[in-house]
N, C-alpha and C. Protein backbone atom coordinates (compact mmCIF):
# COMPACT_ATOMS: atom_id res chain seq x y z
N MET A 1 0.82 -1.19 0.00
CA MET A 1 0.00 0.00 0.00
C MET A 1 0.86 1.25 0.00
N THR A 2 1.95 1.24 0.76
CA THR A 2 2.82 2.40 0.82
C THR A 2 3.47 2.67 -0.53
N THR A 3 3.88 1.62 -1.21
CA THR A 3 4.49 1.78 -2.52
C THR A 3 3.53 2.43 -3.51
N SER A 4 2.28 2.01 -3.49
CA SER A 4 1.29 2.58 -4.38
C SER A 4 1.08 4.06 -4.09
N LYS A 5 1.06 4.39 -2.81
CA LYS A 5 0.85 5.78 -2.42
C LYS A 5 1.99 6.66 -2.94
N ARG A 6 3.23 6.20 -2.78
CA ARG A 6 4.37 6.98 -3.28
C ARG A 6 4.30 7.16 -4.78
N PHE A 7 3.92 6.11 -5.46
CA PHE A 7 3.82 6.20 -6.91
C PHE A 7 2.79 7.24 -7.33
N VAL A 8 1.67 7.25 -6.66
CA VAL A 8 0.62 8.22 -6.97
C VAL A 8 1.10 9.63 -6.65
N LEU A 9 1.81 9.81 -5.55
CA LEU A 9 2.32 11.14 -5.20
C LEU A 9 3.28 11.65 -6.27
N ARG A 10 4.18 10.81 -6.75
CA ARG A 10 5.12 11.24 -7.78
C ARG A 10 4.40 11.56 -9.08
N GLU A 11 3.41 10.79 -9.41
CA GLU A 11 2.70 11.00 -10.65
C GLU A 11 1.90 12.31 -10.62
N ASN A 12 1.34 12.66 -9.48
CA ASN A 12 0.54 13.88 -9.36
C ASN A 12 1.37 15.11 -9.01
N ARG A 13 2.64 14.91 -8.66
CA ARG A 13 3.47 16.03 -8.25
C ARG A 13 3.68 17.00 -9.43
N PRO A 14 3.59 18.30 -9.21
CA PRO A 14 3.79 19.25 -10.30
C PRO A 14 5.21 19.16 -10.86
N THR A 15 5.33 19.40 -12.12
CA THR A 15 6.64 19.31 -12.79
C THR A 15 7.26 20.70 -12.96
N TRP A 16 7.02 21.58 -12.03
CA TRP A 16 7.55 22.95 -12.13
C TRP A 16 9.06 22.97 -12.14
N HIS A 17 9.70 22.09 -11.39
CA HIS A 17 11.16 22.13 -11.36
C HIS A 17 11.76 21.66 -12.69
N TYR A 18 11.09 20.75 -13.40
CA TYR A 18 11.57 20.35 -14.72
C TYR A 18 11.41 21.50 -15.71
N LEU A 19 10.29 22.18 -15.62
CA LEU A 19 10.05 23.33 -16.49
C LEU A 19 11.05 24.45 -16.20
N THR A 20 11.32 24.70 -14.93
CA THR A 20 12.30 25.72 -14.55
C THR A 20 13.68 25.39 -15.10
N LEU A 21 14.06 24.14 -14.99
CA LEU A 21 15.37 23.71 -15.50
C LEU A 21 15.46 23.88 -17.01
N MET A 22 14.40 23.54 -17.74
CA MET A 22 14.40 23.70 -19.20
C MET A 22 14.48 25.17 -19.60
N ILE A 23 13.73 26.03 -18.94
CA ILE A 23 13.76 27.46 -19.25
C ILE A 23 15.13 28.04 -18.96
N PHE A 24 15.72 27.66 -17.83
CA PHE A 24 17.05 28.13 -17.48
C PHE A 24 18.07 27.71 -18.55
N SER A 25 17.97 26.46 -19.02
CA SER A 25 18.89 25.97 -20.06
C SER A 25 18.73 26.74 -21.36
N LEU A 26 17.49 27.05 -21.73
CA LEU A 26 17.26 27.81 -22.97
C LEU A 26 17.84 29.22 -22.88
N PHE A 27 17.72 29.86 -21.70
CA PHE A 27 18.31 31.18 -21.53
C PHE A 27 19.83 31.13 -21.68
N ILE A 28 20.44 30.11 -21.14
CA ILE A 28 21.90 29.96 -21.25
C ILE A 28 22.29 29.79 -22.71
N LEU A 29 21.59 28.93 -23.45
CA LEU A 29 21.90 28.73 -24.87
C LEU A 29 21.70 30.01 -25.68
N ALA A 30 20.64 30.74 -25.40
CA ALA A 30 20.37 31.98 -26.13
C ALA A 30 21.45 33.01 -25.86
N ALA A 31 21.95 33.06 -24.65
CA ALA A 31 22.99 34.04 -24.30
C ALA A 31 24.30 33.73 -24.99
N CYS A 32 24.55 32.46 -25.29
CA CYS A 32 25.82 32.06 -25.92
C CYS A 32 25.82 32.28 -27.43
N ALA A 33 24.68 32.35 -28.06
CA ALA A 33 24.61 32.49 -29.51
C ALA A 33 24.98 33.92 -29.92
N ALA A 34 25.82 34.02 -30.94
CA ALA A 34 26.22 35.34 -31.45
C ALA A 34 25.12 35.85 -32.38
N LYS A 35 24.57 37.00 -32.06
CA LYS A 35 23.53 37.57 -32.89
C LYS A 35 24.18 38.57 -33.85
N PRO A 36 23.85 38.47 -35.14
CA PRO A 36 24.41 39.41 -36.11
C PRO A 36 23.98 40.85 -35.79
N LYS A 37 24.86 41.77 -36.12
CA LYS A 37 24.58 43.19 -35.92
C LYS A 37 24.56 43.87 -37.28
N GLN A 38 23.82 44.97 -37.35
CA GLN A 38 23.77 45.71 -38.61
C GLN A 38 23.70 47.21 -38.33
N ASP A 39 24.06 47.97 -39.34
CA ASP A 39 23.90 49.42 -39.33
C ASP A 39 23.64 49.82 -40.78
N TYR A 40 22.88 50.89 -40.97
CA TYR A 40 22.53 51.27 -42.34
C TYR A 40 22.14 52.74 -42.41
N ASP A 41 22.14 53.25 -43.62
CA ASP A 41 21.71 54.62 -43.91
C ASP A 41 20.19 54.64 -43.83
N VAL A 42 19.66 55.33 -42.82
CA VAL A 42 18.21 55.33 -42.59
C VAL A 42 17.44 56.07 -43.68
N ASN A 43 18.11 56.89 -44.47
CA ASN A 43 17.44 57.66 -45.52
C ASN A 43 17.51 56.99 -46.89
N TYR A 44 18.16 55.85 -46.98
CA TYR A 44 18.33 55.17 -48.27
C TYR A 44 17.10 54.34 -48.59
N ASP A 45 16.69 54.33 -49.87
CA ASP A 45 15.55 53.53 -50.32
C ASP A 45 16.04 52.17 -50.81
N PHE A 46 16.03 51.19 -49.94
CA PHE A 46 16.53 49.86 -50.26
C PHE A 46 15.60 49.09 -51.20
N SER A 47 14.36 49.55 -51.36
CA SER A 47 13.41 48.84 -52.23
C SER A 47 13.78 48.93 -53.70
N THR A 48 14.68 49.85 -54.07
CA THR A 48 15.09 50.00 -55.47
C THR A 48 16.19 49.01 -55.87
N LEU A 49 16.74 48.28 -54.92
CA LEU A 49 17.86 47.38 -55.18
C LEU A 49 17.38 46.04 -55.72
N LYS A 50 17.84 45.70 -56.91
CA LYS A 50 17.46 44.43 -57.55
C LYS A 50 18.68 43.62 -58.01
N THR A 51 19.73 44.31 -58.46
CA THR A 51 20.91 43.63 -59.01
C THR A 51 22.15 43.97 -58.19
N PHE A 52 23.12 43.04 -58.18
CA PHE A 52 24.35 43.26 -57.40
C PHE A 52 25.56 42.73 -58.15
N SER A 53 26.70 43.22 -57.71
CA SER A 53 28.00 42.72 -58.15
C SER A 53 28.89 42.67 -56.93
N GLN A 54 29.94 41.87 -57.00
CA GLN A 54 30.84 41.74 -55.87
C GLN A 54 32.19 42.36 -56.17
N LEU A 55 32.72 43.04 -55.17
CA LEU A 55 34.07 43.58 -55.29
C LEU A 55 35.07 42.48 -54.98
N THR A 56 36.23 42.55 -55.57
CA THR A 56 37.27 41.55 -55.36
C THR A 56 38.07 41.89 -54.11
N LEU A 57 38.23 40.91 -53.24
CA LEU A 57 39.00 41.09 -52.01
C LEU A 57 40.47 41.23 -52.37
N LYS A 58 41.12 42.18 -51.73
CA LYS A 58 42.56 42.34 -51.94
C LYS A 58 43.30 41.10 -51.45
N GLN A 59 44.57 41.06 -51.59
CA GLN A 59 45.40 39.92 -51.21
C GLN A 59 45.06 39.47 -49.79
N THR A 60 44.98 38.15 -49.59
CA THR A 60 44.69 37.59 -48.28
C THR A 60 45.60 36.40 -48.01
N ASP A 61 45.86 36.14 -46.75
CA ASP A 61 46.68 34.99 -46.39
C ASP A 61 45.81 33.74 -46.17
N ASP A 62 44.49 33.86 -46.37
CA ASP A 62 43.57 32.73 -46.22
C ASP A 62 42.61 32.69 -47.40
N PRO A 63 43.10 32.30 -48.59
CA PRO A 63 42.24 32.32 -49.78
C PRO A 63 41.07 31.33 -49.72
N LEU A 64 41.21 30.22 -48.98
CA LEU A 64 40.10 29.27 -48.86
C LEU A 64 38.90 29.93 -48.18
N THR A 65 39.16 30.63 -47.08
CA THR A 65 38.09 31.33 -46.36
C THR A 65 37.50 32.43 -47.23
N ALA A 66 38.35 33.20 -47.91
CA ALA A 66 37.88 34.28 -48.77
C ALA A 66 36.95 33.75 -49.86
N ASP A 67 37.33 32.64 -50.49
CA ASP A 67 36.49 32.05 -51.54
C ASP A 67 35.16 31.55 -50.98
N ARG A 68 35.20 30.92 -49.79
CA ARG A 68 33.96 30.43 -49.18
C ARG A 68 33.01 31.58 -48.86
N ILE A 69 33.54 32.64 -48.27
CA ILE A 69 32.70 33.80 -47.92
C ILE A 69 32.10 34.41 -49.19
N ASN A 70 32.94 34.61 -50.20
CA ASN A 70 32.49 35.20 -51.47
C ASN A 70 31.37 34.36 -52.10
N ASP A 71 31.58 33.05 -52.16
CA ASP A 71 30.58 32.16 -52.75
C ASP A 71 29.28 32.15 -51.94
N ASP A 72 29.40 32.13 -50.60
CA ASP A 72 28.22 32.11 -49.74
C ASP A 72 27.43 33.41 -49.83
N ILE A 73 28.13 34.54 -49.95
CA ILE A 73 27.43 35.83 -50.12
C ILE A 73 26.64 35.82 -51.42
N LYS A 74 27.29 35.41 -52.49
CA LYS A 74 26.61 35.40 -53.80
C LYS A 74 25.39 34.48 -53.77
N GLN A 75 25.55 33.27 -53.25
CA GLN A 75 24.45 32.31 -53.23
C GLN A 75 23.31 32.79 -52.33
N THR A 76 23.63 33.38 -51.20
CA THR A 76 22.61 33.87 -50.28
C THR A 76 21.80 35.00 -50.92
N LEU A 77 22.48 35.94 -51.58
CA LEU A 77 21.76 37.03 -52.26
C LEU A 77 20.90 36.50 -53.41
N LEU A 78 21.41 35.52 -54.15
CA LEU A 78 20.60 34.90 -55.22
C LEU A 78 19.36 34.23 -54.63
N ASN A 79 19.54 33.55 -53.50
CA ASN A 79 18.41 32.89 -52.84
C ASN A 79 17.38 33.91 -52.34
N GLN A 80 17.83 35.12 -52.05
CA GLN A 80 16.91 36.17 -51.59
C GLN A 80 16.20 36.86 -52.76
N GLY A 81 16.55 36.48 -54.00
CA GLY A 81 15.87 37.03 -55.16
C GLY A 81 16.62 38.13 -55.89
N TYR A 82 17.82 38.46 -55.44
CA TYR A 82 18.63 39.45 -56.15
C TYR A 82 19.27 38.79 -57.37
N ILE A 83 19.61 39.59 -58.36
CA ILE A 83 20.20 39.08 -59.60
C ILE A 83 21.65 39.55 -59.69
N TYR A 84 22.55 38.60 -59.98
CA TYR A 84 23.95 38.96 -60.16
C TYR A 84 24.11 39.62 -61.53
N GLN A 85 24.76 40.79 -61.54
CA GLN A 85 24.98 41.54 -62.78
C GLN A 85 26.33 42.24 -62.65
N ALA A 86 27.30 41.77 -63.40
CA ALA A 86 28.66 42.30 -63.29
C ALA A 86 28.76 43.77 -63.68
N GLU A 87 28.01 44.20 -64.69
CA GLU A 87 28.07 45.59 -65.16
C GLU A 87 26.83 46.37 -64.70
N ASN A 88 27.05 47.58 -64.22
CA ASN A 88 25.99 48.50 -63.80
C ASN A 88 24.97 47.90 -62.82
N PRO A 89 25.44 47.32 -61.70
CA PRO A 89 24.51 46.77 -60.72
C PRO A 89 23.89 47.89 -59.87
N ASP A 90 22.82 47.54 -59.16
CA ASP A 90 22.18 48.49 -58.24
C ASP A 90 23.00 48.66 -56.96
N PHE A 91 23.73 47.61 -56.57
CA PHE A 91 24.60 47.72 -55.38
C PHE A 91 25.79 46.80 -55.51
N LEU A 92 26.85 47.18 -54.79
CA LEU A 92 28.09 46.40 -54.74
C LEU A 92 28.19 45.74 -53.37
N VAL A 93 28.82 44.58 -53.32
CA VAL A 93 29.01 43.86 -52.07
C VAL A 93 30.51 43.70 -51.83
N ASN A 94 30.92 44.04 -50.64
CA ASN A 94 32.30 43.87 -50.22
C ASN A 94 32.28 43.16 -48.87
N TYR A 95 33.38 42.56 -48.49
CA TYR A 95 33.43 41.90 -47.19
C TYR A 95 34.85 41.92 -46.65
N ALA A 96 34.95 41.66 -45.37
CA ALA A 96 36.23 41.53 -44.70
C ALA A 96 36.06 40.47 -43.62
N PHE A 97 37.17 39.86 -43.22
CA PHE A 97 37.10 38.89 -42.12
C PHE A 97 38.38 38.95 -41.31
N VAL A 98 38.24 38.67 -40.03
CA VAL A 98 39.38 38.66 -39.11
C VAL A 98 39.30 37.38 -38.30
N THR A 99 40.41 36.69 -38.18
CA THR A 99 40.48 35.47 -37.37
C THR A 99 41.36 35.74 -36.17
N GLN A 100 40.85 35.38 -34.99
CA GLN A 100 41.59 35.60 -33.75
C GLN A 100 41.57 34.34 -32.90
N ASP A 101 42.62 34.19 -32.09
CA ASP A 101 42.62 33.11 -31.10
C ASP A 101 41.79 33.56 -29.92
N LYS A 102 41.01 32.63 -29.37
CA LYS A 102 40.18 32.94 -28.22
C LYS A 102 40.46 31.89 -27.17
N GLU A 103 40.61 32.32 -25.93
CA GLU A 103 40.84 31.39 -24.83
C GLU A 103 39.62 30.50 -24.66
N LYS A 104 39.86 29.21 -24.51
CA LYS A 104 38.76 28.30 -24.22
C LYS A 104 38.37 28.47 -22.76
N ASP A 105 37.21 27.95 -22.42
CA ASP A 105 36.74 28.03 -21.04
C ASP A 105 37.74 27.38 -20.10
N SER A 106 37.75 27.85 -18.86
CA SER A 106 38.71 27.38 -17.88
C SER A 106 38.43 25.97 -17.41
N GLY A 107 37.25 25.46 -17.67
CA GLY A 107 36.91 24.14 -17.18
C GLY A 107 36.09 24.20 -15.90
N LEU A 108 35.93 25.37 -15.31
CA LEU A 108 35.11 25.53 -14.12
C LEU A 108 33.68 25.79 -14.58
N SER A 109 32.76 25.03 -14.04
CA SER A 109 31.37 25.24 -14.42
C SER A 109 30.48 25.14 -13.20
N ILE A 110 29.35 25.80 -13.30
CA ILE A 110 28.36 25.75 -12.23
C ILE A 110 27.14 25.06 -12.81
N GLY A 111 26.61 24.10 -12.09
CA GLY A 111 25.48 23.35 -12.60
C GLY A 111 24.25 23.53 -11.74
N LEU A 112 23.11 23.38 -12.35
CA LEU A 112 21.83 23.43 -11.67
C LEU A 112 21.11 22.15 -12.04
N GLY A 113 20.62 21.44 -11.05
CA GLY A 113 19.95 20.19 -11.34
C GLY A 113 18.76 19.99 -10.44
N SER A 114 17.94 19.02 -10.79
CA SER A 114 16.79 18.69 -9.96
C SER A 114 16.75 17.20 -9.77
N GLY A 115 16.07 16.78 -8.75
CA GLY A 115 15.97 15.36 -8.49
C GLY A 115 14.83 15.08 -7.54
N THR A 116 14.57 13.80 -7.35
CA THR A 116 13.52 13.40 -6.42
C THR A 116 14.10 12.39 -5.46
N TRP A 117 13.61 12.42 -4.27
CA TRP A 117 13.96 11.41 -3.29
C TRP A 117 12.80 11.32 -2.32
N GLY A 118 12.48 10.11 -1.97
CA GLY A 118 11.33 9.92 -1.09
C GLY A 118 10.07 10.42 -1.77
N SER A 119 9.30 11.17 -1.04
CA SER A 119 8.06 11.72 -1.61
C SER A 119 8.21 13.18 -1.98
N GLY A 120 9.45 13.70 -1.97
CA GLY A 120 9.67 15.11 -2.30
C GLY A 120 10.67 15.26 -3.42
N GLY A 121 10.95 16.48 -3.77
CA GLY A 121 11.93 16.78 -4.81
C GLY A 121 12.79 17.93 -4.36
N GLY A 122 13.73 18.31 -5.18
CA GLY A 122 14.57 19.44 -4.80
C GLY A 122 15.40 19.91 -5.97
N ILE A 123 16.03 21.03 -5.75
CA ILE A 123 16.94 21.61 -6.73
C ILE A 123 18.28 21.78 -6.04
N GLY A 124 19.34 21.41 -6.74
CA GLY A 124 20.67 21.54 -6.16
C GLY A 124 21.58 22.33 -7.06
N VAL A 125 22.56 22.99 -6.47
CA VAL A 125 23.55 23.75 -7.22
C VAL A 125 24.91 23.16 -6.87
N GLY A 126 25.75 22.98 -7.86
CA GLY A 126 27.07 22.44 -7.60
C GLY A 126 28.08 22.97 -8.59
N THR A 127 29.35 22.71 -8.35
CA THR A 127 30.41 23.13 -9.26
C THR A 127 31.22 21.92 -9.65
N SER A 128 31.89 22.05 -10.78
CA SER A 128 32.82 21.00 -11.20
C SER A 128 34.01 21.66 -11.87
N ILE A 129 35.12 21.02 -11.79
CA ILE A 129 36.33 21.53 -12.43
C ILE A 129 36.78 20.48 -13.43
N GLY A 130 36.92 20.90 -14.68
CA GLY A 130 37.36 19.99 -15.72
C GLY A 130 38.85 20.15 -15.96
N ILE A 131 39.44 19.11 -16.45
CA ILE A 131 40.86 19.15 -16.82
C ILE A 131 40.93 19.38 -18.31
N PRO A 132 41.53 20.51 -18.74
CA PRO A 132 41.58 20.78 -20.18
C PRO A 132 42.39 19.72 -20.92
N ILE A 133 41.84 19.26 -22.02
CA ILE A 133 42.53 18.28 -22.85
C ILE A 133 42.79 18.94 -24.20
N GLY A 134 44.00 18.86 -24.68
CA GLY A 134 44.33 19.45 -25.97
C GLY A 134 44.62 20.94 -25.84
N SER A 135 44.38 21.66 -26.92
CA SER A 135 44.68 23.08 -26.99
C SER A 135 43.79 23.89 -26.06
N ASP A 136 44.32 24.97 -25.49
CA ASP A 136 43.52 25.82 -24.62
C ASP A 136 43.02 27.07 -25.36
N THR A 137 43.16 27.09 -26.69
CA THR A 137 42.61 28.19 -27.48
C THR A 137 41.77 27.65 -28.63
N ALA A 138 40.80 28.43 -29.03
CA ALA A 138 39.97 28.13 -30.20
C ALA A 138 40.07 29.34 -31.12
N LYS A 139 39.55 29.23 -32.29
CA LYS A 139 39.57 30.34 -33.25
C LYS A 139 38.19 30.99 -33.29
N THR A 140 38.17 32.30 -33.38
CA THR A 140 36.96 33.07 -33.59
C THR A 140 37.15 33.86 -34.87
N GLN A 141 36.19 33.75 -35.77
CA GLN A 141 36.28 34.51 -37.01
C GLN A 141 35.10 35.47 -37.10
N THR A 142 35.40 36.73 -37.31
CA THR A 142 34.39 37.76 -37.49
C THR A 142 34.29 38.08 -38.97
N ILE A 143 33.06 38.06 -39.49
CA ILE A 143 32.82 38.38 -40.90
C ILE A 143 32.00 39.66 -40.95
N GLN A 144 32.44 40.58 -41.80
CA GLN A 144 31.73 41.85 -42.02
C GLN A 144 31.36 41.94 -43.49
N ILE A 145 30.10 42.25 -43.76
CA ILE A 145 29.62 42.40 -45.14
C ILE A 145 29.14 43.82 -45.33
N ASP A 146 29.62 44.47 -46.38
CA ASP A 146 29.25 45.85 -46.69
C ASP A 146 28.46 45.90 -47.99
N ILE A 147 27.40 46.71 -48.02
CA ILE A 147 26.63 46.98 -49.22
C ILE A 147 26.92 48.44 -49.59
N ILE A 148 27.33 48.65 -50.83
CA ILE A 148 27.82 49.96 -51.27
C ILE A 148 27.00 50.45 -52.46
N ASP A 149 26.67 51.73 -52.44
CA ASP A 149 25.99 52.35 -53.57
C ASP A 149 27.05 52.58 -54.65
N PRO A 150 26.89 52.06 -55.86
CA PRO A 150 27.93 52.18 -56.89
C PRO A 150 28.08 53.58 -57.48
N THR A 151 27.05 54.41 -57.36
CA THR A 151 27.14 55.74 -57.98
C THR A 151 28.13 56.64 -57.24
N ASP A 152 28.10 56.63 -55.92
CA ASP A 152 29.02 57.50 -55.17
C ASP A 152 29.95 56.72 -54.24
N LYS A 153 29.93 55.38 -54.35
CA LYS A 153 30.82 54.50 -53.59
C LYS A 153 30.66 54.68 -52.07
N ARG A 154 29.46 54.99 -51.62
CA ARG A 154 29.28 55.17 -50.17
C ARG A 154 28.61 53.94 -49.56
N LEU A 155 28.99 53.67 -48.34
CA LEU A 155 28.45 52.56 -47.59
C LEU A 155 26.99 52.85 -47.24
N ILE A 156 26.09 51.90 -47.56
CA ILE A 156 24.67 52.10 -47.23
C ILE A 156 24.16 51.06 -46.23
N TRP A 157 24.89 49.94 -46.08
CA TRP A 157 24.50 48.91 -45.12
C TRP A 157 25.73 48.12 -44.71
N ARG A 158 25.79 47.73 -43.44
CA ARG A 158 26.89 46.90 -42.94
C ARG A 158 26.33 45.91 -41.93
N GLY A 159 26.71 44.67 -42.09
CA GLY A 159 26.33 43.63 -41.13
C GLY A 159 27.55 42.83 -40.74
N ASN A 160 27.56 42.33 -39.50
CA ASN A 160 28.67 41.50 -39.07
C ASN A 160 28.23 40.51 -38.00
N SER A 161 28.99 39.44 -37.91
CA SER A 161 28.78 38.42 -36.89
C SER A 161 30.04 37.58 -36.80
N GLN A 162 30.04 36.64 -35.87
CA GLN A 162 31.21 35.78 -35.72
C GLN A 162 30.80 34.36 -35.38
N TYR A 163 31.74 33.46 -35.57
CA TYR A 163 31.54 32.06 -35.22
C TYR A 163 32.86 31.52 -34.70
N HIS A 164 32.80 30.37 -34.04
CA HIS A 164 33.98 29.76 -33.44
C HIS A 164 34.25 28.42 -34.13
N PHE A 165 35.52 28.09 -34.25
CA PHE A 165 35.90 26.80 -34.84
C PHE A 165 37.24 26.36 -34.26
N ASP A 166 37.45 25.05 -34.25
CA ASP A 166 38.70 24.50 -33.76
C ASP A 166 39.66 24.17 -34.89
N GLN A 167 39.11 23.79 -36.05
CA GLN A 167 39.95 23.46 -37.19
C GLN A 167 39.18 23.76 -38.47
N GLY A 168 39.87 23.66 -39.59
CA GLY A 168 39.26 23.98 -40.88
C GLY A 168 38.41 22.84 -41.40
N GLY A 169 38.24 22.81 -42.70
CA GLY A 169 37.47 21.74 -43.32
C GLY A 169 35.97 21.99 -43.27
N GLU A 170 35.22 20.91 -43.19
CA GLU A 170 33.75 20.97 -43.24
C GLU A 170 33.16 21.80 -42.11
N GLU A 171 33.70 21.65 -40.90
CA GLU A 171 33.19 22.41 -39.75
C GLU A 171 33.31 23.92 -40.00
N LYS A 172 34.43 24.34 -40.51
CA LYS A 172 34.65 25.76 -40.78
C LYS A 172 33.77 26.24 -41.93
N ALA A 173 33.65 25.42 -42.99
CA ALA A 173 32.80 25.80 -44.13
C ALA A 173 31.36 25.98 -43.69
N GLN A 174 30.86 25.12 -42.82
CA GLN A 174 29.49 25.26 -42.31
C GLN A 174 29.35 26.50 -41.45
N GLY A 175 30.36 26.78 -40.64
CA GLY A 175 30.32 27.98 -39.79
C GLY A 175 30.28 29.25 -40.62
N ILE A 176 31.06 29.29 -41.70
CA ILE A 176 31.06 30.44 -42.60
C ILE A 176 29.69 30.60 -43.24
N ASN A 177 29.15 29.51 -43.77
CA ASN A 177 27.86 29.57 -44.44
C ASN A 177 26.76 30.04 -43.50
N GLN A 178 26.68 29.47 -42.32
CA GLN A 178 25.65 29.86 -41.36
C GLN A 178 25.80 31.32 -40.94
N THR A 179 27.02 31.79 -40.80
CA THR A 179 27.25 33.18 -40.40
C THR A 179 26.86 34.14 -41.51
N VAL A 180 27.24 33.86 -42.74
CA VAL A 180 26.88 34.72 -43.88
C VAL A 180 25.37 34.77 -44.05
N VAL A 181 24.71 33.63 -43.98
CA VAL A 181 23.24 33.60 -44.11
C VAL A 181 22.59 34.41 -42.99
N ALA A 182 23.08 34.29 -41.77
CA ALA A 182 22.51 35.04 -40.64
C ALA A 182 22.72 36.54 -40.81
N ILE A 183 23.88 36.94 -41.30
CA ILE A 183 24.15 38.38 -41.50
C ILE A 183 23.20 38.93 -42.57
N LEU A 184 23.13 38.25 -43.72
CA LEU A 184 22.34 38.76 -44.83
C LEU A 184 20.83 38.57 -44.63
N ALA A 185 20.43 37.83 -43.62
CA ALA A 185 19.00 37.72 -43.29
C ALA A 185 18.46 39.08 -42.82
N GLN A 186 19.34 39.95 -42.42
CA GLN A 186 18.94 41.30 -41.97
C GLN A 186 18.86 42.29 -43.12
N PHE A 187 19.31 41.88 -44.32
CA PHE A 187 19.34 42.78 -45.48
C PHE A 187 18.24 42.42 -46.45
N PRO A 188 17.50 43.37 -46.96
CA PRO A 188 17.55 44.79 -46.62
C PRO A 188 16.95 45.03 -45.24
N PRO A 189 17.33 46.13 -44.61
CA PRO A 189 16.84 46.39 -43.25
C PRO A 189 15.33 46.62 -43.25
N LYS A 190 14.70 46.16 -42.19
CA LYS A 190 13.27 46.40 -42.01
C LYS A 190 13.12 47.71 -41.26
N LYS A 191 12.66 48.74 -41.96
CA LYS A 191 12.55 50.06 -41.32
C LYS A 191 11.26 50.19 -40.56
C-alpha cells in the first residue's frame, strides 16, 4: 500500500522544477549564440535594389576562407531574389574577415539540477572543475559584409557576426555559411 501511495504522489506532483530547469537551459543557450549586428543609412531607399555585383578582395593569407565567404554571399543574395549583374549593378558587395585566437573556457562550471527522493523533490547547485585536454585556445572569425551604392561608392548597409571553430574543413565551411546567411537575413533592413 505504501508503494502505491508513493507512486501516486510522484505521478501527481507538479513538474515545475523540470520546467524551470528547461527554461534556465534555454536562456543559457540563447545568451551564448552570437547575434548578427547591422547598421545602415536610414534615408536610403533599399526597395530599389534588384541587381548586385561583388568587389574583389585584396590579397589575403587565407584564400580558402575568402572564396567560401564570397561564394556564400553570392548564393545567399541569389536565394533572396537578387540578380547577379557584373556591369551596372544596383549595389556592390564587399566583405572583410578577421580570425583571432580565443581562450577556451577554464573548465570551471556551475550546474543546476533537480531530483527526487522519497516523496519530495529538490533543486541543487554544484560546481565542477574539468581538466583541459588538448589546446587551450579556439579560433573566432568575425565576418563583415558591406553593401555599397555604386554611384558614389558610399556605404549604405553593414552587417557582421562571428563564429567559433577548432579546425578547418567541413566544420569551418558550415560555420562560414551559417554566419553569412545570418548576416544577410537582416538585409535589406526592415525600417
